[in-house]
Amino acid sequence: MSDPIWVLPVLELQGGCSSSCNRVHNRVVMNALSQRLVPDDLWELLKTELPVFSERTQGGGTPPVNQRRVLAAIVYILTAGCPWKSLPKAFDVSASTAHRRFTAWSAAGLWDRASDLAEHCLDPGLKSWIQVIATAGPSRYKSKPTTATWDPPSASRGRDHPLQ
């Protein structure tokens, strides 16, 4: 797929675009941004490393979201450093879906495997981009907190208790 960025100046020159024109403009911008965030070479390296989500056995629900779009949305969040709820709608991925996949992929060790793949990458630009993503992933991932043990106060307070 060629980079459709050349369309942007034409749309900006038109001025006073309708809402449908703005949607087209946003889609073109997001396609260009997604292509830069997850170039074809990076996608070819990582697509086999992504955990596969199976369809629901009971049927129903919404169809699965395109994995590449989700990856582009996650890379955007990781590199921009913004909150998940600030994910632009033009990615066509909800913030909750992006966060859910990010958590699953992090737990599956995707960022470590990406770092390993970067070591074998011949393209220095792609190698450094993979390293940026592989470093940002674990720093953003918060594993589930361990439940601390808490001993409730005893029902009877002894003479030595500080509140007595």
C-alpha atoms as a PDB file:
ATOM      1  CA  MET A   1       0.000   0.000   0.000  1.00  0.00           C
ATOM      2  CA  SER A   2       1.477   3.347  -0.980  1.00  0.00           C
ATOM      3  CA  ASP A   3       1.526   6.237   1.431  1.00  0.00           C
ATOM      4  CA  PRO A   4      -1.574   8.392   0.699  1.00  0.00           C
ATOM      5  CA  ILE A   5      -0.055  11.440   2.394  1.00  0.00           C
ATOM      6  CA  TRP A   6      -0.084  13.392  -0.907  1.00  0.00           C
ATOM      7  CA  VAL A   7      -3.873  13.695  -0.571  1.00  0.00           C
ATOM      8  CA  LEU A   8      -3.605  15.867   2.552  1.00  0.00           C
ATOM      9  CA  PRO A   9      -2.614  19.196   0.925  1.00  0.00           C
ATOM     10  CA  VAL A  10      -5.467  18.889  -1.582  1.00  0.00           C
ATOM     11  CA  LEU A  11      -8.038  18.396   1.190  1.00  0.00           C
ATOM     12  CA  GLU A  12      -6.606  21.232   3.270  1.00  0.00           C
ATOM     13  CA  LEU A  13      -6.773  23.634   0.333  1.00  0.00           C
ATOM     14  CA  GLN A  14     -10.475  22.966  -0.214  1.00  0.00           C
ATOM     15  CA  GLY A  15     -11.467  24.708   3.050  1.00  0.00           C
ATOM     16  CA  GLY A  16     -14.932  24.479   4.552  1.00  0.00           C
ATOM     17  CA  CYS A  17     -15.136  20.701   4.182  1.00  0.00           C
ATOM     18  CA  SER A  18     -18.377  18.961   4.999  1.00  0.00           C
ATOM     19  CA  SER A  19     -18.496  16.378   7.776  1.00  0.00           C
ATOM     20  CA  SER A  20     -18.078  13.566   5.228  1.00  0.00           C
ATOM     21  CA  CYS A  21     -14.997  15.337   3.866  1.00  0.00           C
ATOM     22  CA  ASN A  22     -13.621  15.585   7.415  1.00  0.00           C
ATOM     23  CA  ARG A  23     -14.185  11.841   7.886  1.00  0.00           C
ATOM     24  CA  VAL A  24     -12.274  11.134   4.674  1.00  0.00           C
ATOM     25  CA  HIS A  25      -9.536  13.522   5.751  1.00  0.00           C
ATOM     26  CA  ASN A  26      -9.292  11.842   9.188  1.00  0.00           C
ATOM     27  CA  ARG A  27      -9.198   8.394   7.592  1.00  0.00           C
ATOM     28  CA  VAL A  28      -6.403   9.433   5.225  1.00  0.00           C
ATOM     29  CA  VAL A  29      -4.433  10.970   8.081  1.00  0.00           C
ATOM     30  CA  MET A  30      -4.908   7.894  10.279  1.00  0.00           C
ATOM     31  CA  ASN A  31      -3.984   5.511   7.445  1.00  0.00           C
ATOM     32  CA  ALA A  32      -0.787   7.481   6.892  1.00  0.00           C
ATOM     33  CA  LEU A  33      -0.079   7.610  10.623  1.00  0.00           C
ATOM     34  CA  SER A  34      -0.814   3.897  11.060  1.00  0.00           C
ATOM     35  CA  GLN A  35       1.511   3.085   8.165  1.00  0.00           C
ATOM     36  CA  ARG A  36       4.283   5.096   9.821  1.00  0.00           C
ATOM     37  CA  LEU A  37       3.669   3.613  13.268  1.00  0.00           C
ATOM     38  CA  VAL A  38       3.526   0.032  11.986  1.00  0.00           C
ATOM     39  CA  PRO A  39       5.354  -0.140   8.639  1.00  0.00           C
ATOM     40  CA  ASP A  40       4.944  -3.254   6.495  1.00  0.00           C
ATOM     41  CA  ASP A  41       8.338  -4.660   7.555  1.00  0.00           C
ATOM     42  CA  LEU A  42       7.461  -4.312  11.234  1.00  0.00           C
ATOM     43  CA  TRP A  43       4.041  -5.875  10.683  1.00  0.00           C
ATOM     44  CA  GLU A  44       5.610  -8.853   8.894  1.00  0.00           C
ATOM     45  CA  LEU A  45       7.938  -9.387  11.866  1.00  0.00           C
ATOM     46  CA  LEU A  46       5.328  -9.056  14.606  1.00  0.00           C
ATOM     47  CA  LYS A  47       2.146 -10.525  13.138  1.00  0.00           C
ATOM     48  CA  THR A  48       3.241 -14.099  13.825  1.00  0.00           C
ATOM     49  CA  GLU A  49       4.143 -13.164  17.413  1.00  0.00           C
ATOM     50  CA  LEU A  50       0.697 -11.790  18.323  1.00  0.00           C
ATOM     51  CA  PRO A  51      -1.526 -14.099  20.371  1.00  0.00           C
ATOM     52  CA  VAL A  52      -4.532 -15.259  18.382  1.00  0.00           C
ATOM     53  CA  PHE A  53      -7.925 -14.375  19.789  1.00  0.00           C
ATOM     54  CA  SER A  54     -10.468 -17.102  19.150  1.00  0.00           C
ATOM     55  CA  GLU A  55     -14.090 -16.439  18.351  1.00  0.00           C
ATOM     56  CA  ARG A  56     -16.650 -16.819  21.080  1.00  0.00           C
ATOM     57  CA  THR A  57     -18.012 -20.355  21.232  1.00  0.00           C
ATOM     58  CA  GLN A  58     -21.541 -19.150  21.965  1.00  0.00           C
ATOM     59  CA  GLY A  59     -21.477 -16.827  18.955  1.00  0.00           C
ATOM     60  CA  GLY A  60     -22.700 -13.272  18.867  1.00  0.00           C
ATOM     61  CA  GLY A  61     -20.771 -10.258  19.972  1.00  0.00           C
ATOM     62  CA  THR A  62     -18.885  -7.855  17.772  1.00  0.00           C
ATOM     63  CA  PRO A  63     -16.499  -9.096  15.104  1.00  0.00           C
ATOM     64  CA  PRO A  64     -12.817  -9.079  16.055  1.00  0.00           C
ATOM     65  CA  VAL A  65     -10.888  -5.898  15.326  1.00  0.00           C
ATOM     66  CA  ASN A  66      -8.062  -5.967  12.786  1.00  0.00           C
ATOM     67  CA  GLN A  67      -4.854  -6.864  14.653  1.00  0.00           C
ATOM     68  CA  ARG A  68      -2.734  -4.404  12.682  1.00  0.00           C
ATOM     69  CA  ARG A  69      -5.066  -1.517  13.557  1.00  0.00           C
ATOM     70  CA  VAL A  70      -4.919  -2.509  17.211  1.00  0.00           C
ATOM     71  CA  LEU A  71      -1.119  -2.687  17.085  1.00  0.00           C
ATOM     72  CA  ALA A  72      -0.949   0.755  15.469  1.00  0.00           C
ATOM     73  CA  ALA A  73      -3.237   2.163  18.179  1.00  0.00           C
ATOM     74  CA  ILE A  74      -1.092   0.600  20.916  1.00  0.00           C
ATOM     75  CA  VAL A  75       2.124   1.898  19.349  1.00  0.00           C
ATOM     76  CA  TYR A  76       0.510   5.351  19.170  1.00  0.00           C
ATOM     77  CA  ILE A  77      -0.334   5.251  22.884  1.00  0.00           C
ATOM     78  CA  LEU A  78       3.122   3.920  23.800  1.00  0.00           C
ATOM     79  CA  THR A  79       5.026   6.517  21.810  1.00  0.00           C
ATOM     80  CA  ALA A  80       2.730   9.486  22.506  1.00  0.00           C
ATOM     81  CA  GLY A  81       2.538   8.743  26.221  1.00  0.00           C
ATOM     82  CA  CYS A  82      -1.113   9.782  26.410  1.00  0.00           C
ATOM     83  CA  PRO A  83      -3.860   8.040  28.424  1.00  0.00           C
ATOM     84  CA  TRP A  84      -5.771   5.180  26.815  1.00  0.00           C
ATOM     85  CA  LYS A  85      -9.000   7.190  26.744  1.00  0.00           C
ATOM     86  CA  SER A  86      -7.242   9.797  24.555  1.00  0.00           C
ATOM     87  CA  LEU A  87      -6.842   7.333  21.681  1.00  0.00           C
ATOM     88  CA  PRO A  88      -8.196   9.060  18.535  1.00  0.00           C
ATOM     89  CA  LYS A  89     -11.455   7.532  17.284  1.00  0.00           C
ATOM     90  CA  ALA A  90     -10.092   7.582  13.744  1.00  0.00           C
ATOM     91  CA  PHE A  91      -7.989   4.496  14.572  1.00  0.00           C
ATOM     92  CA  ASP A  92     -11.298   2.555  14.546  1.00  0.00           C
ATOM     93  CA  VAL A  93     -10.198   0.799  17.736  1.00  0.00           C
ATOM     94  CA  SER A  94     -11.803   1.509  21.081  1.00  0.00           C
ATOM     95  CA  ALA A  95      -9.552   2.456  23.956  1.00  0.00           C
ATOM     96  CA  SER A  96     -10.809  -0.531  25.953  1.00  0.00           C
ATOM     97  CA  THR A  97      -9.988  -2.951  23.110  1.00  0.00           C
ATOM     98  CA  ALA A  98      -6.525  -1.440  22.681  1.00  0.00           C
ATOM     99  CA  HIS A  99      -5.870  -1.629  26.422  1.00  0.00           C
ATOM    100  CA  ARG A 100      -7.217  -5.177  26.694  1.00  0.00           C
ATOM    101  CA  ARG A 101      -5.000  -6.391  23.820  1.00  0.00           C
ATOM    102  CA  PHE A 102      -2.016  -4.460  25.186  1.00  0.00           C
ATOM    103  CA  THR A 103      -2.449  -6.190  28.538  1.00  0.00           C
ATOM    104  CA  ALA A 104      -2.817  -9.635  26.919  1.00  0.00           C
ATOM    105  CA  TRP A 105       0.135  -9.093  24.600  1.00  0.00           C
ATOM    106  CA  SER A 106       2.276  -7.781  27.457  1.00  0.00           C
ATOM    107  CA  ALA A 107       1.418 -10.792  29.609  1.00  0.00           C
ATOM    108  CA  ALA A 108       2.324 -13.039  26.654  1.00  0.00           C
ATOM    109  CA  GLY A 109       5.772 -11.416  26.425  1.00  0.00           C
ATOM    110  CA  LEU A 110       5.350  -9.668  23.073  1.00  0.00           C
ATOM    111  CA  TRP A 111       7.695  -6.800  23.945  1.00  0.00           C
ATOM    112  CA  ASP A 112      10.529  -9.166  24.898  1.00  0.00           C
ATOM    113  CA  ARG A 113      10.114 -11.065  21.621  1.00  0.00           C
ATOM    114  CA  ALA A 114      10.049  -7.767  19.713  1.00  0.00           C
ATOM    115  CA  SER A 115      13.309  -6.804  21.385  1.00  0.00           C
ATOM    116  CA  ASP A 116      14.828 -10.141  20.334  1.00  0.00           C
ATOM    117  CA  LEU A 117      13.622  -9.593  16.762  1.00  0.00           C
ATOM    118  CA  ALA A 118      15.204  -6.127  16.722  1.00  0.00           C
ATOM    119  CA  GLU A 119      18.630  -7.657  17.356  1.00  0.00           C
ATOM    120  CA  HIS A 120      18.382  -9.589  14.082  1.00  0.00           C
ATOM    121  CA  CYS A 121      16.940  -6.735  12.031  1.00  0.00           C
ATOM    122  CA  LEU A 122      19.206  -5.460   9.244  1.00  0.00           C
ATOM    123  CA  ASP A 123      17.462  -2.117   8.658  1.00  0.00           C
ATOM    124  CA  PRO A 124      18.881   0.309  11.262  1.00  0.00           C
ATOM    125  CA  GLY A 125      15.809   2.581  11.174  1.00  0.00           C
ATOM    126  CA  LEU A 126      13.409  -0.308  11.719  1.00  0.00           C
ATOM    127  CA  LYS A 127      15.704  -1.774  14.371  1.00  0.00           C
ATOM    128  CA  SER A 128      15.698   1.441  16.401  1.00  0.00           C
ATOM    129  CA  TRP A 129      11.904   1.816  16.015  1.00  0.00           C
ATOM    130  CA  ILE A 130      11.342  -1.735  17.289  1.00  0.00           C
ATOM    131  CA  GLN A 131      13.635  -0.993  20.233  1.00  0.00           C
ATOM    132  CA  VAL A 132      11.618   2.133  21.077  1.00  0.00           C
ATOM    133  CA  ILE A 133       8.380   0.126  21.045  1.00  0.00           C
ATOM    134  CA  ALA A 134       9.916  -2.823  22.907  1.00  0.00           C
ATOM    135  CA  THR A 135      11.183  -0.474  25.618  1.00  0.00           C
ATOM    136  CA  ALA A 136       7.947   1.517  25.922  1.00  0.00           C
ATOM    137  CA  GLY A 137       5.741  -1.587  26.192  1.00  0.00           C
ATOM    138  CA  PRO A 138       7.044  -2.993  29.481  1.00  0.00           C
ATOM    139  CA  SER A 139       7.350   0.460  31.042  1.00  0.00           C
ATOM    140  CA  ARG A 140       3.639   1.076  30.391  1.00  0.00           C
ATOM    141  CA  TYR A 141       2.496  -2.406  31.393  1.00  0.00           C
ATOM    142  CA  LYS A 142       1.275  -2.706  34.939  1.00  0.00           C
ATOM    143  CA  SER A 143       1.031  -6.261  36.125  1.00  0.00           C
ATOM    144  CA  LYS A 144      -1.802  -7.082  38.452  1.00  0.00           C
ATOM    145  CA  PRO A 145      -0.961  -5.974  41.976  1.00  0.00           C
ATOM    146  CA  THR A 146      -0.408  -8.713  44.493  1.00  0.00           C
ATOM    147  CA  THR A 147      -2.995  -8.876  47.197  1.00  0.00           C
ATOM    148  CA  ALA A 148      -1.430  -7.867  50.462  1.00  0.00           C
ATOM    149  CA  THR A 149      -2.350  -9.879  53.462  1.00  0.00           C
ATOM    150  CA  TRP A 150      -4.232  -7.880  56.016  1.00  0.00           C
ATOM    151  CA  ASP A 151      -5.028  -9.077  59.470  1.00  0.00           C
ATOM    152  CA  PRO A 152      -8.203  -7.445  60.733  1.00  0.00           C
ATOM    153  CA  PRO A 153      -8.007  -6.122  64.272  1.00  0.00           C
ATOM    154  CA  SER A 154      -9.159  -8.560  66.861  1.00  0.00           C
ATOM    155  CA  ALA A 155     -12.583  -8.069  68.366  1.00  0.00           C
ATOM    156  CA  SER A 156     -11.250  -7.779  71.849  1.00  0.00           C
ATOM    157  CA  ARG A 157      -8.728  -5.072  72.499  1.00  0.00           C
ATOM    158  CA  GLY A 158      -6.281  -5.925  75.170  1.00  0.00           C
ATOM    159  CA  ARG A 159      -4.856  -3.626  77.781  1.00  0.00           C
ATOM    160  CA  ASP A 160      -1.773  -3.000  75.649  1.00  0.00           C
ATOM    161  CA  HIS A 161      -3.732  -1.829  72.594  1.00  0.00           C
ATOM    162  CA  PRO A 162      -2.945   1.825  71.677  1.00  0.00           C
ATOM    163  CA  LEU A 163      -6.618   2.832  71.620  1.00  0.00           C
ATOM    164  CA  GLN A 164      -7.312   1.602  75.140  1.00  0.00           C
END
